[in-house]
N, C-alpha and C. Protein backbone atom coordinates (compact mmCIF):
# COMPACT_ATOMS: atom_id res chain seq x y z
N UNK A 1 0.86 -1.17 0.00
CA UNK A 1 0.00 0.00 0.00
C UNK A 1 0.90 1.22 0.00
N UNK A 2 0.54 2.16 -0.80
CA UNK A 2 1.28 3.40 -0.93
C UNK A 2 1.17 4.23 0.35
N UNK A 3 2.28 4.84 0.73
CA UNK A 3 2.27 5.73 1.91
C UNK A 3 1.34 6.93 1.68
N UNK A 4 1.26 7.38 0.47
CA UNK A 4 0.40 8.54 0.16
C UNK A 4 -1.06 8.21 0.44
N UNK A 5 -1.51 7.04 -0.01
CA UNK A 5 -2.90 6.62 0.22
C UNK A 5 -3.15 6.41 1.70
N UNK A 6 -2.22 5.73 2.37
CA UNK A 6 -2.35 5.47 3.80
C UNK A 6 -2.40 6.77 4.60
N UNK A 7 -1.54 7.72 4.27
CA UNK A 7 -1.53 9.01 4.96
C UNK A 7 -2.83 9.78 4.71
N UNK A 8 -3.33 9.76 3.47
CA UNK A 8 -4.58 10.44 3.15
C UNK A 8 -5.74 9.86 3.96
N UNK A 9 -5.85 8.53 3.98
CA UNK A 9 -6.94 7.90 4.73
C UNK A 9 -6.83 8.19 6.22
N UNK A 10 -5.62 8.12 6.75
CA UNK A 10 -5.42 8.38 8.19
C UNK A 10 -5.83 9.80 8.56
N UNK A 11 -5.39 10.77 7.78
CA UNK A 11 -5.68 12.17 8.10
C UNK A 11 -7.16 12.52 7.91
N UNK A 12 -7.79 11.97 6.89
CA UNK A 12 -9.16 12.37 6.55
C UNK A 12 -10.26 11.51 7.15
N UNK A 13 -9.97 10.25 7.40
CA UNK A 13 -11.02 9.35 7.89
C UNK A 13 -10.74 8.78 9.28
N UNK A 14 -9.47 8.68 9.66
CA UNK A 14 -9.11 8.08 10.95
C UNK A 14 -8.09 8.96 11.68
N UNK A 15 -8.46 10.21 12.01
CA UNK A 15 -7.49 11.09 12.68
C UNK A 15 -7.10 10.52 14.04
N UNK A 16 -5.81 10.64 14.36
CA UNK A 16 -5.30 10.11 15.61
C UNK A 16 -4.84 8.66 15.52
N UNK A 17 -5.01 8.06 14.36
CA UNK A 17 -4.61 6.67 14.14
C UNK A 17 -3.72 6.58 12.92
N UNK A 18 -2.91 5.52 12.87
CA UNK A 18 -2.16 5.24 11.65
C UNK A 18 -2.58 3.87 11.14
N UNK A 19 -2.59 3.73 9.83
CA UNK A 19 -3.00 2.48 9.20
C UNK A 19 -1.80 1.56 9.14
N UNK A 20 -1.97 0.35 9.68
CA UNK A 20 -0.87 -0.62 9.67
C UNK A 20 -1.01 -1.64 8.56
N UNK A 21 -2.25 -1.86 8.09
CA UNK A 21 -2.45 -2.84 7.02
C UNK A 21 -3.80 -2.59 6.36
N UNK A 22 -3.83 -2.77 5.06
CA UNK A 22 -5.08 -2.74 4.31
C UNK A 22 -5.10 -4.01 3.47
N UNK A 23 -6.18 -4.78 3.59
CA UNK A 23 -6.29 -6.00 2.80
C UNK A 23 -7.65 -6.06 2.13
N UNK A 24 -7.67 -6.71 1.00
CA UNK A 24 -8.87 -6.85 0.20
C UNK A 24 -9.28 -8.32 0.20
N UNK A 25 -10.56 -8.56 0.35
CA UNK A 25 -11.08 -9.93 0.39
C UNK A 25 -10.91 -10.60 -0.97
N UNK A 26 -10.49 -11.86 -0.94
CA UNK A 26 -10.38 -12.63 -2.18
C UNK A 26 -11.74 -13.20 -2.57
N UNK A 27 -12.65 -13.29 -1.61
CA UNK A 27 -13.98 -13.87 -1.87
C UNK A 27 -14.92 -12.83 -2.47
N UNK A 28 -14.90 -11.63 -1.90
CA UNK A 28 -15.80 -10.58 -2.35
C UNK A 28 -14.98 -9.36 -2.75
N UNK A 29 -15.30 -8.78 -3.87
CA UNK A 29 -14.55 -7.60 -4.31
C UNK A 29 -15.00 -6.33 -3.58
N UNK A 30 -15.93 -6.47 -2.63
CA UNK A 30 -16.44 -5.31 -1.89
C UNK A 30 -15.92 -5.23 -0.46
N UNK A 31 -15.22 -6.24 0.02
CA UNK A 31 -14.76 -6.26 1.41
C UNK A 31 -13.32 -5.78 1.52
N UNK A 32 -13.12 -4.77 2.36
CA UNK A 32 -11.79 -4.22 2.62
C UNK A 32 -11.60 -4.21 4.14
N UNK A 33 -10.46 -4.67 4.60
CA UNK A 33 -10.13 -4.63 6.03
C UNK A 33 -9.01 -3.63 6.23
N UNK A 34 -9.24 -2.66 7.13
CA UNK A 34 -8.23 -1.66 7.45
C UNK A 34 -7.86 -1.84 8.92
N UNK A 35 -6.58 -2.11 9.19
CA UNK A 35 -6.11 -2.27 10.56
C UNK A 35 -5.47 -0.95 11.02
N UNK A 36 -5.89 -0.49 12.19
CA UNK A 36 -5.43 0.79 12.73
C UNK A 36 -4.71 0.59 14.05
N UNK A 37 -3.82 1.51 14.36
CA UNK A 37 -3.25 1.58 15.70
C UNK A 37 -3.11 3.05 16.06
N UNK A 38 -3.15 3.38 17.33
CA UNK A 38 -3.07 4.79 17.74
C UNK A 38 -1.75 5.42 17.29
N UNK A 39 -1.81 6.66 16.85
CA UNK A 39 -0.60 7.38 16.46
C UNK A 39 0.23 7.79 17.67
N UNK A 40 -0.41 7.98 18.79
CA UNK A 40 0.24 8.33 20.06
C UNK A 40 -0.06 7.23 21.07
N UNK A 41 0.75 7.11 22.12
CA UNK A 41 0.43 6.10 23.14
C UNK A 41 -0.96 6.35 23.73
N UNK A 42 -1.78 5.31 23.79
CA UNK A 42 -3.15 5.49 24.26
C UNK A 42 -3.23 5.70 25.77
N UNK A 43 -4.30 6.35 26.20
CA UNK A 43 -4.61 6.53 27.62
C UNK A 43 -5.94 5.83 27.85
N UNK A 44 -5.96 4.90 28.78
CA UNK A 44 -7.18 4.16 29.07
C UNK A 44 -8.23 5.09 29.70
N UNK A 45 -9.44 5.15 29.13
CA UNK A 45 -10.48 6.00 29.71
C UNK A 45 -11.02 5.46 31.04
N UNK A 46 -10.76 4.18 31.31
CA UNK A 46 -11.25 3.57 32.54
C UNK A 46 -10.32 3.81 33.72
N UNK A 47 -9.01 3.59 33.50
CA UNK A 47 -8.07 3.68 34.62
C UNK A 47 -7.05 4.80 34.47
N UNK A 48 -6.97 5.46 33.29
CA UNK A 48 -6.04 6.56 33.07
C UNK A 48 -4.60 6.12 32.83
N UNK A 49 -4.37 4.84 32.72
CA UNK A 49 -3.02 4.31 32.53
C UNK A 49 -2.56 4.49 31.09
N UNK A 50 -1.23 4.58 30.92
CA UNK A 50 -0.65 4.64 29.59
C UNK A 50 -0.20 3.26 29.12
N UNK A 51 -0.44 2.24 29.92
CA UNK A 51 -0.10 0.88 29.51
C UNK A 51 -1.00 0.47 28.36
N UNK A 52 -0.46 -0.31 27.46
CA UNK A 52 -1.25 -0.76 26.33
C UNK A 52 -2.00 -2.02 26.74
N UNK A 53 -3.14 -1.81 27.39
CA UNK A 53 -4.01 -2.89 27.82
C UNK A 53 -5.36 -2.67 27.17
N UNK A 54 -5.86 -3.68 26.50
CA UNK A 54 -7.13 -3.54 25.81
C UNK A 54 -8.26 -3.95 26.74
N UNK A 55 -9.10 -2.98 27.11
CA UNK A 55 -10.26 -3.26 27.93
C UNK A 55 -11.49 -3.52 27.06
N UNK A 56 -11.48 -2.98 25.86
CA UNK A 56 -12.62 -3.10 24.97
C UNK A 56 -12.12 -3.39 23.56
N UNK A 57 -12.96 -4.02 22.79
CA UNK A 57 -12.66 -4.28 21.38
C UNK A 57 -13.92 -3.95 20.59
N UNK A 58 -13.76 -3.18 19.56
CA UNK A 58 -14.92 -2.78 18.77
C UNK A 58 -14.64 -3.07 17.30
N UNK A 59 -15.55 -3.78 16.67
CA UNK A 59 -15.45 -4.05 15.26
C UNK A 59 -16.63 -3.39 14.58
N UNK A 60 -16.37 -2.66 13.50
CA UNK A 60 -17.46 -1.99 12.80
C UNK A 60 -17.51 -2.53 11.37
N UNK A 61 -18.70 -2.75 10.90
CA UNK A 61 -18.91 -3.16 9.53
C UNK A 61 -19.74 -2.08 8.85
N UNK A 62 -19.22 -1.56 7.77
CA UNK A 62 -19.89 -0.49 7.04
C UNK A 62 -20.42 -1.08 5.74
N UNK A 63 -21.70 -1.01 5.56
CA UNK A 63 -22.34 -1.55 4.34
C UNK A 63 -23.09 -0.45 3.63
N UNK A 64 -23.16 -0.58 2.30
CA UNK A 64 -23.93 0.40 1.56
C UNK A 64 -25.25 -0.14 1.16
């Protein structure tokens, strides 16, 4: 994936995150998976810690 495309998507659609991987489904030409990680070290909203501990996991599916 081009850095230009990744930077554009990060700045315009996922501010505060950087894209680590983009993959396209081999089964369906309409499925794209975008993997994100925080651009800065995260702060847990529950405990205020800077440790990278996942308390929640959210998956979103966008369909047209």
